[in-house]
Every structure is written in C-alpha cells, then in structure tokens.
Amino acid sequence: MVRTTIYLDEGVRERLQRLIPPRKMNHFIKAAVADKVALLEQRQLEEEMKEGYLATNGSRTALIGDWEPIDLVDWPE
C-alpha cells in the first residue's frame, strides 16, 4: 500500500465528517476512489470496443458473404 496526500474542498471535507466516522474515513475514501477508477476503466473498455467494432465494420460485411450459401440451405425443422 502507498501513502498519498489528497486535498479536499472545505465543504466536501465538512460533509464527509458529518457522514463518516473519523476512524472510517480512510476506508471510505479508498473505496470511493476504487469505485470511480473501476467506472473509468469500464468506460474506457466500452469506448475501445466501440472503436474496434466500427473499425472492423467493412470486414464483417465480407465475412457475412462467406456464410450466405449456408443461410440459404433448407434446414429440417
């Protein structure tokens, strides 16, 4: 674990002190930061997946053409 210093707006600090017991503040802030980082990573992954999808859109059209003969076969029901 690494120790770091953060600076909070006075209003945010006061709100935290009203809501979170002093001995639980560190745990609360660690959990809040971890949640925010996970959210940012999820958004980044979604953006990368979207970019990959859009980048391969043309090649998917060619791939669909490869499967067209099979799609036209009458399958037993």
PDB file of N, CA and C in Angstrom:
ATOM      1  N   MET A   1       0.842  -1.163   0.000  1.00  0.00           N
ATOM      2  CA  MET A   1       0.000   0.000   0.000  1.00  0.00           C
ATOM      3  C   MET A   1       0.895   1.237   0.000  1.00  0.00           C
ATOM      4  N   VAL A   2       0.459   2.274  -0.733  1.00  0.00           N
ATOM      5  CA  VAL A   2       1.215   3.510  -0.852  1.00  0.00           C
ATOM      6  C   VAL A   2       0.454   4.624  -0.150  1.00  0.00           C
ATOM      7  N   ARG A   3       1.179   5.434   0.556  1.00  0.00           N
ATOM      8  CA  ARG A   3       0.571   6.569   1.239  1.00  0.00           C
ATOM      9  C   ARG A   3       0.597   7.765   0.303  1.00  0.00           C
ATOM     10  N   THR A   4      -0.508   8.524   0.287  1.00  0.00           N
ATOM     11  CA  THR A   4      -0.593   9.698  -0.562  1.00  0.00           C
ATOM     12  C   THR A   4      -1.362  10.794   0.168  1.00  0.00           C
ATOM     13  N   THR A   5      -1.256  11.993  -0.335  1.00  0.00           N
ATOM     14  CA  THR A   5      -1.968  13.125   0.244  1.00  0.00           C
ATOM     15  C   THR A   5      -2.986  13.619  -0.757  1.00  0.00           C
ATOM     16  N   ILE A   6      -4.196  13.885  -0.285  1.00  0.00           N
ATOM     17  CA  ILE A   6      -5.206  14.474  -1.158  1.00  0.00           C
ATOM     18  C   ILE A   6      -5.686  15.772  -0.534  1.00  0.00           C
ATOM     19  N   TYR A   7      -6.170  16.662  -1.359  1.00  0.00           N
ATOM     20  CA  TYR A   7      -6.710  17.926  -0.894  1.00  0.00           C
ATOM     21  C   TYR A   7      -8.182  17.974  -1.270  1.00  0.00           C
ATOM     22  N   LEU A   8      -9.024  18.272  -0.284  1.00  0.00           N
ATOM     23  CA  LEU A   8     -10.461  18.344  -0.499  1.00  0.00           C
ATOM     24  C   LEU A   8     -10.934  19.776  -0.301  1.00  0.00           C
ATOM     25  N   ASP A   9     -11.959  20.134  -1.040  1.00  0.00           N
ATOM     26  CA  ASP A   9     -12.617  21.411  -0.767  1.00  0.00           C
ATOM     27  C   ASP A   9     -13.140  21.365   0.663  1.00  0.00           C
ATOM     28  N   GLU A  10     -13.120  22.495   1.329  1.00  0.00           N
ATOM     29  CA  GLU A  10     -13.563  22.551   2.718  1.00  0.00           C
ATOM     30  C   GLU A  10     -14.993  22.033   2.877  1.00  0.00           C
ATOM     31  N   GLY A  11     -15.878  22.386   1.947  1.00  0.00           N
ATOM     32  CA  GLY A  11     -17.263  21.934   2.026  1.00  0.00           C
ATOM     33  C   GLY A  11     -17.386  20.423   1.915  1.00  0.00           C
ATOM     34  N   VAL A  12     -16.613  19.818   1.031  1.00  0.00           N
ATOM     35  CA  VAL A  12     -16.642  18.357   0.874  1.00  0.00           C
ATOM     36  C   VAL A  12     -16.124  17.695   2.140  1.00  0.00           C
ATOM     37  N   ARG A  13     -15.042  18.229   2.684  1.00  0.00           N
ATOM     38  CA  ARG A  13     -14.479  17.667   3.917  1.00  0.00           C
ATOM     39  C   ARG A  13     -15.488  17.733   5.064  1.00  0.00           C
ATOM     40  N   GLU A  14     -16.162  18.854   5.195  1.00  0.00           N
ATOM     41  CA  GLU A  14     -17.160  19.002   6.259  1.00  0.00           C
ATOM     42  C   GLU A  14     -18.314  18.012   6.073  1.00  0.00           C
ATOM     43  N   ARG A  15     -18.770  17.845   4.850  1.00  0.00           N
ATOM     44  CA  ARG A  15     -19.853  16.887   4.575  1.00  0.00           C
ATOM     45  C   ARG A  15     -19.421  15.462   4.914  1.00  0.00           C
ATOM     46  N   LEU A  16     -18.184  15.114   4.530  1.00  0.00           N
ATOM     47  CA  LEU A  16     -17.668  13.789   4.859  1.00  0.00           C
ATOM     48  C   LEU A  16     -17.610  13.583   6.364  1.00  0.00           C
ATOM     49  N   GLN A  17     -17.121  14.589   7.084  1.00  0.00           N
ATOM     50  CA  GLN A  17     -17.005  14.469   8.534  1.00  0.00           C
ATOM     51  C   GLN A  17     -18.361  14.294   9.199  1.00  0.00           C
ATOM     52  N   ARG A  18     -19.398  14.890   8.631  1.00  0.00           N
ATOM     53  CA  ARG A  18     -20.739  14.727   9.195  1.00  0.00           C
ATOM     54  C   ARG A  18     -21.274  13.317   8.960  1.00  0.00           C
ATOM     55  N   LEU A  19     -20.894  12.715   7.842  1.00  0.00           N
ATOM     56  CA  LEU A  19     -21.471  11.431   7.439  1.00  0.00           C
ATOM     57  C   LEU A  19     -20.642  10.211   7.822  1.00  0.00           C
ATOM     58  N   ILE A  20     -19.328  10.353   7.873  1.00  0.00           N
ATOM     59  CA  ILE A  20     -18.439   9.211   8.073  1.00  0.00           C
ATOM     60  C   ILE A  20     -17.690   9.370   9.394  1.00  0.00           C
ATOM     61  N   PRO A  21     -17.717   8.352  10.246  1.00  0.00           N
ATOM     62  CA  PRO A  21     -16.937   8.418  11.486  1.00  0.00           C
ATOM     63  C   PRO A  21     -15.445   8.601  11.172  1.00  0.00           C
ATOM     64  N   PRO A  22     -14.724   9.367  11.992  1.00  0.00           N
ATOM     65  CA  PRO A  22     -13.305   9.669  11.719  1.00  0.00           C
ATOM     66  C   PRO A  22     -12.445   8.438  11.454  1.00  0.00           C
ATOM     67  N   ARG A  23     -12.645   7.369  12.186  1.00  0.00           N
ATOM     68  CA  ARG A  23     -11.794   6.194  12.024  1.00  0.00           C
ATOM     69  C   ARG A  23     -12.179   5.370  10.797  1.00  0.00           C
ATOM     70  N   LYS A  24     -13.248   5.742  10.121  1.00  0.00           N
ATOM     71  CA  LYS A  24     -13.684   5.025   8.911  1.00  0.00           C
ATOM     72  C   LYS A  24     -13.434   5.847   7.645  1.00  0.00           C
ATOM     73  N   MET A  25     -12.945   7.066   7.810  1.00  0.00           N
ATOM     74  CA  MET A  25     -12.749   7.987   6.680  1.00  0.00           C
ATOM     75  C   MET A  25     -11.786   7.401   5.641  1.00  0.00           C
ATOM     76  N   ASN A  26     -10.667   6.856   6.092  1.00  0.00           N
ATOM     77  CA  ASN A  26      -9.677   6.309   5.169  1.00  0.00           C
ATOM     78  C   ASN A  26     -10.288   5.198   4.323  1.00  0.00           C
ATOM     79  N   HIS A  27     -10.995   4.281   4.954  1.00  0.00           N
ATOM     80  CA  HIS A  27     -11.630   3.173   4.227  1.00  0.00           C
ATOM     81  C   HIS A  27     -12.656   3.708   3.219  1.00  0.00           C
ATOM     82  N   PHE A  28     -13.445   4.682   3.638  1.00  0.00           N
ATOM     83  CA  PHE A  28     -14.461   5.256   2.749  1.00  0.00           C
ATOM     84  C   PHE A  28     -13.815   5.880   1.515  1.00  0.00           C
ATOM     85  N   ILE A  29     -12.769   6.670   1.716  1.00  0.00           N
ATOM     86  CA  ILE A  29     -12.113   7.343   0.586  1.00  0.00           C
ATOM     87  C   ILE A  29     -11.457   6.320  -0.338  1.00  0.00           C
ATOM     88  N   LYS A  30     -10.805   5.292   0.222  1.00  0.00           N
ATOM     89  CA  LYS A  30     -10.204   4.245  -0.625  1.00  0.00           C
ATOM     90  C   LYS A  30     -11.268   3.551  -1.464  1.00  0.00           C
ATOM     91  N   ALA A  31     -12.406   3.229  -0.851  1.00  0.00           N
ATOM     92  CA  ALA A  31     -13.478   2.546  -1.578  1.00  0.00           C
ATOM     93  C   ALA A  31     -14.070   3.456  -2.654  1.00  0.00           C
ATOM     94  N   ALA A  32     -14.247   4.736  -2.332  1.00  0.00           N
ATOM     95  CA  ALA A  32     -14.816   5.677  -3.303  1.00  0.00           C
ATOM     96  C   ALA A  32     -13.884   5.839  -4.515  1.00  0.00           C
ATOM     97  N   VAL A  33     -12.597   5.941  -4.264  1.00  0.00           N
ATOM     98  CA  VAL A  33     -11.634   6.079  -5.363  1.00  0.00           C
ATOM     99  C   VAL A  33     -11.598   4.794  -6.193  1.00  0.00           C
ATOM    100  N   ALA A  34     -11.605   3.646  -5.532  1.00  0.00           N
ATOM    101  CA  ALA A  34     -11.597   2.368  -6.263  1.00  0.00           C
ATOM    102  C   ALA A  34     -12.840   2.242  -7.141  1.00  0.00           C
ATOM    103  N   ASP A  35     -13.994   2.635  -6.624  1.00  0.00           N
ATOM    104  CA  ASP A  35     -15.231   2.588  -7.420  1.00  0.00           C
ATOM    105  C   ASP A  35     -15.140   3.497  -8.637  1.00  0.00           C
ATOM    106  N   LYS A  36     -14.622   4.693  -8.441  1.00  0.00           N
ATOM    107  CA  LYS A  36     -14.509   5.655  -9.550  1.00  0.00           C
ATOM    108  C   LYS A  36     -13.518   5.152 -10.602  1.00  0.00           C
ATOM    109  N   VAL A  37     -12.403   4.581 -10.168  1.00  0.00           N
ATOM    110  CA  VAL A  37     -11.417   4.029 -11.110  1.00  0.00           C
ATOM    111  C   VAL A  37     -12.032   2.892 -11.908  1.00  0.00           C
ATOM    112  N   ALA A  38     -12.786   2.014 -11.254  1.00  0.00           N
ATOM    113  CA  ALA A  38     -13.442   0.908 -11.957  1.00  0.00           C
ATOM    114  C   ALA A  38     -14.423   1.439 -12.999  1.00  0.00           C
ATOM    115  N   LEU A  39     -15.165   2.477 -12.660  1.00  0.00           N
ATOM    116  CA  LEU A  39     -16.101   3.087 -13.601  1.00  0.00           C
ATOM    117  C   LEU A  39     -15.362   3.675 -14.799  1.00  0.00           C
ATOM    118  N   LEU A  40     -14.266   4.373 -14.550  1.00  0.00           N
ATOM    119  CA  LEU A  40     -13.483   4.948 -15.646  1.00  0.00           C
ATOM    120  C   LEU A  40     -12.896   3.851 -16.538  1.00  0.00           C
ATOM    121  N   GLU A  41     -12.418   2.763 -15.928  1.00  0.00           N
ATOM    122  CA  GLU A  41     -11.886   1.647 -16.720  1.00  0.00           C
ATOM    123  C   GLU A  41     -12.979   1.013 -17.565  1.00  0.00           C
ATOM    124  N   GLN A  42     -14.176   0.863 -17.017  1.00  0.00           N
ATOM    125  CA  GLN A  42     -15.298   0.297 -17.763  1.00  0.00           C
ATOM    126  C   GLN A  42     -15.644   1.181 -18.957  1.00  0.00           C
ATOM    127  N   ARG A  43     -15.691   2.484 -18.730  1.00  0.00           N
ATOM    128  CA  ARG A  43     -15.984   3.412 -19.832  1.00  0.00           C
ATOM    129  C   ARG A  43     -14.911   3.350 -20.908  1.00  0.00           C
ATOM    130  N   GLN A  44     -13.648   3.249 -20.486  1.00  0.00           N
ATOM    131  CA  GLN A  44     -12.552   3.159 -21.450  1.00  0.00           C
ATOM    132  C   GLN A  44     -12.669   1.876 -22.270  1.00  0.00           C
ATOM    133  N   LEU A  45     -12.970   0.765 -21.618  1.00  0.00           N
ATOM    134  CA  LEU A  45     -13.135  -0.507 -22.318  1.00  0.00           C
ATOM    135  C   LEU A  45     -14.285  -0.432 -23.315  1.00  0.00           C
ATOM    136  N   GLU A  46     -15.403   0.154 -22.902  1.00  0.00           N
ATOM    137  CA  GLU A  46     -16.544   0.296 -23.806  1.00  0.00           C
ATOM    138  C   GLU A  46     -16.180   1.146 -25.020  1.00  0.00           C
ATOM    139  N   GLU A  47     -15.415   2.212 -24.799  1.00  0.00           N
ATOM    140  CA  GLU A  47     -15.008   3.067 -25.915  1.00  0.00           C
ATOM    141  C   GLU A  47     -14.072   2.308 -26.858  1.00  0.00           C
ATOM    142  N   GLU A  48     -13.132   1.533 -26.307  1.00  0.00           N
ATOM    143  CA  GLU A  48     -12.227   0.743 -27.138  1.00  0.00           C
ATOM    144  C   GLU A  48     -12.991  -0.314 -27.931  1.00  0.00           C
ATOM    145  N   MET A  49     -13.978  -0.939 -27.309  1.00  0.00           N
ATOM    146  CA  MET A  49     -14.786  -1.934 -28.014  1.00  0.00           C
ATOM    147  C   MET A  49     -15.590  -1.284 -29.135  1.00  0.00           C
ATOM    148  N   LYS A  50     -16.133  -0.106 -28.873  1.00  0.00           N
ATOM    149  CA  LYS A  50     -16.890   0.625 -29.894  1.00  0.00           C
ATOM    150  C   LYS A  50     -15.986   0.974 -31.071  1.00  0.00           C
ATOM    151  N   GLU A  51     -14.782   1.478 -30.776  1.00  0.00           N
ATOM    152  CA  GLU A  51     -13.836   1.816 -31.839  1.00  0.00           C
ATOM    153  C   GLU A  51     -13.460   0.580 -32.651  1.00  0.00           C
ATOM    154  N   GLY A  52     -13.231  -0.544 -31.963  1.00  0.00           N
ATOM    155  CA  GLY A  52     -12.899  -1.786 -32.664  1.00  0.00           C
ATOM    156  C   GLY A  52     -14.040  -2.260 -33.542  1.00  0.00           C
ATOM    157  N   TYR A  53     -15.255  -2.147 -33.024  1.00  0.00           N
ATOM    158  CA  TYR A  53     -16.430  -2.541 -33.807  1.00  0.00           C
ATOM    159  C   TYR A  53     -16.542  -1.697 -35.063  1.00  0.00           C
ATOM    160  N   LEU A  54     -16.387  -0.391 -34.914  1.00  0.00           N
ATOM    161  CA  LEU A  54     -16.505   0.498 -36.072  1.00  0.00           C
ATOM    162  C   LEU A  54     -15.362   0.289 -37.059  1.00  0.00           C
ATOM    163  N   ALA A  55     -14.175  -0.022 -36.554  1.00  0.00           N
ATOM    164  CA  ALA A  55     -13.016  -0.228 -37.429  1.00  0.00           C
ATOM    165  C   ALA A  55     -13.142  -1.500 -38.260  1.00  0.00           C
ATOM    166  N   THR A  56     -13.869  -2.490 -37.761  1.00  0.00           N
ATOM    167  CA  THR A  56     -13.978  -3.768 -38.487  1.00  0.00           C
ATOM    168  C   THR A  56     -15.315  -3.916 -39.200  1.00  0.00           C
ATOM    169  N   ASN A  57     -16.081  -2.883 -39.267  1.00  0.00           N
ATOM    170  CA  ASN A  57     -17.413  -2.957 -39.876  1.00  0.00           C
ATOM    171  C   ASN A  57     -17.354  -3.458 -41.318  1.00  0.00           C
ATOM    172  N   GLY A  58     -16.430  -2.964 -42.109  1.00  0.00           N
ATOM    173  CA  GLY A  58     -16.316  -3.377 -43.507  1.00  0.00           C
ATOM    174  C   GLY A  58     -15.934  -4.837 -43.651  1.00  0.00           C
ATOM    175  N   SER A  59     -15.044  -5.331 -42.820  1.00  0.00           N
ATOM    176  CA  SER A  59     -14.616  -6.724 -42.951  1.00  0.00           C
ATOM    177  C   SER A  59     -15.726  -7.680 -42.529  1.00  0.00           C
ATOM    178  N   ARG A  60     -16.625  -7.237 -41.651  1.00  0.00           N
ATOM    179  CA  ARG A  60     -17.752  -8.093 -41.264  1.00  0.00           C
ATOM    180  C   ARG A  60     -18.687  -8.316 -42.442  1.00  0.00           C
ATOM    181  N   THR A  61     -18.852  -7.318 -43.283  1.00  0.00           N
ATOM    182  CA  THR A  61     -19.720  -7.458 -44.447  1.00  0.00           C
ATOM    183  C   THR A  61     -19.185  -8.561 -45.356  1.00  0.00           C
ATOM    184  N   ALA A  62     -17.880  -8.606 -45.566  1.00  0.00           N
ATOM    185  CA  ALA A  62     -17.274  -9.656 -46.386  1.00  0.00           C
ATOM    186  C   ALA A  62     -17.445 -11.018 -45.728  1.00  0.00           C
ATOM    187  N   LEU A  63     -17.319 -11.091 -44.423  1.00  0.00           N
ATOM    188  CA  LEU A  63     -17.472 -12.347 -43.700  1.00  0.00           C
ATOM    189  C   LEU A  63     -18.907 -12.870 -43.806  1.00  0.00           C
ATOM    190  N   ILE A  64     -19.867 -11.984 -43.731  1.00  0.00           N
ATOM    191  CA  ILE A  64     -21.273 -12.384 -43.869  1.00  0.00           C
ATOM    192  C   ILE A  64     -21.500 -13.028 -45.239  1.00  0.00           C
ATOM    193  N   GLY A  65     -20.865 -12.488 -46.263  1.00  0.00           N
ATOM    194  CA  GLY A  65     -20.983 -13.053 -47.607  1.00  0.00           C
ATOM    195  C   GLY A  65     -20.469 -14.482 -47.678  1.00  0.00           C
ATOM    196  N   ASP A  66     -19.450 -14.800 -46.895  1.00  0.00           N
ATOM    197  CA  ASP A  66     -18.913 -16.160 -46.868  1.00  0.00           C
ATOM    198  C   ASP A  66     -19.933 -17.167 -46.351  1.00  0.00           C
ATOM    199  N   TRP A  67     -20.826 -16.750 -45.468  1.00  0.00           N
ATOM    200  CA  TRP A  67     -21.799 -17.639 -44.857  1.00  0.00           C
ATOM    201  C   TRP A  67     -23.133 -17.656 -45.598  1.00  0.00           C
ATOM    202  N   GLU A  68     -23.300 -16.810 -46.572  1.00  0.00           N
ATOM    203  CA  GLU A  68     -24.581 -16.702 -47.284  1.00  0.00           C
ATOM    204  C   GLU A  68     -25.040 -18.020 -47.901  1.00  0.00           C
ATOM    205  N   PRO A  69     -24.179 -18.814 -48.543  1.00  0.00           N
ATOM    206  CA  PRO A  69     -24.666 -20.083 -49.122  1.00  0.00           C
ATOM    207  C   PRO A  69     -25.280 -21.012 -48.067  1.00  0.00           C
ATOM    208  N   ILE A  70     -24.740 -21.036 -46.887  1.00  0.00           N
ATOM    209  CA  ILE A  70     -25.269 -21.892 -45.827  1.00  0.00           C
ATOM    210  C   ILE A  70     -26.606 -21.360 -45.335  1.00  0.00           C
ATOM    211  N   ASP A  71     -26.747 -20.061 -45.279  1.00  0.00           N
ATOM    212  CA  ASP A  71     -28.008 -19.461 -44.839  1.00  0.00           C
ATOM    213  C   ASP A  71     -29.159 -19.806 -45.774  1.00  0.00           C
ATOM    214  N   LEU A  72     -28.854 -20.081 -47.019  1.00  0.00           N
ATOM    215  CA  LEU A  72     -29.902 -20.359 -47.989  1.00  0.00           C
ATOM    216  C   LEU A  72     -30.331 -21.811 -48.008  1.00  0.00           C
ATOM    217  N   VAL A  73     -29.614 -22.677 -47.311  1.00  0.00           N
ATOM    218  CA  VAL A  73     -29.935 -24.114 -47.271  1.00  0.00           C
ATOM    219  C   VAL A  73     -31.204 -24.307 -46.456  1.00  0.00           C
ATOM    220  N   ASP A  74     -32.090 -25.202 -46.938  1.00  0.00           N
ATOM    221  CA  ASP A  74     -33.306 -25.527 -46.190  1.00  0.00           C
ATOM    222  C   ASP A  74     -32.924 -26.486 -45.054  1.00  0.00           C
ATOM    223  N   TRP A  75     -33.074 -26.035 -43.847  1.00  0.00           N
ATOM    224  CA  TRP A  75     -32.760 -26.853 -42.695  1.00  0.00           C
ATOM    225  C   TRP A  75     -34.012 -27.596 -42.260  1.00  0.00           C
ATOM    226  N   PRO A  76     -33.857 -28.864 -41.811  1.00  0.00           N
ATOM    227  CA  PRO A  76     -35.033 -29.603 -41.326  1.00  0.00           C
ATOM    228  C   PRO A  76     -35.572 -28.951 -40.051  1.00  0.00           C
ATOM    229  N   GLU A  77     -36.859 -29.035 -39.890  1.00  0.00           N
ATOM    230  CA  GLU A  77     -37.455 -28.429 -38.706  1.00  0.00           C
ATOM    231  C   GLU A  77     -37.760 -29.435 -37.655  1.00  0.00           C
TER     232      GLU A  77
END
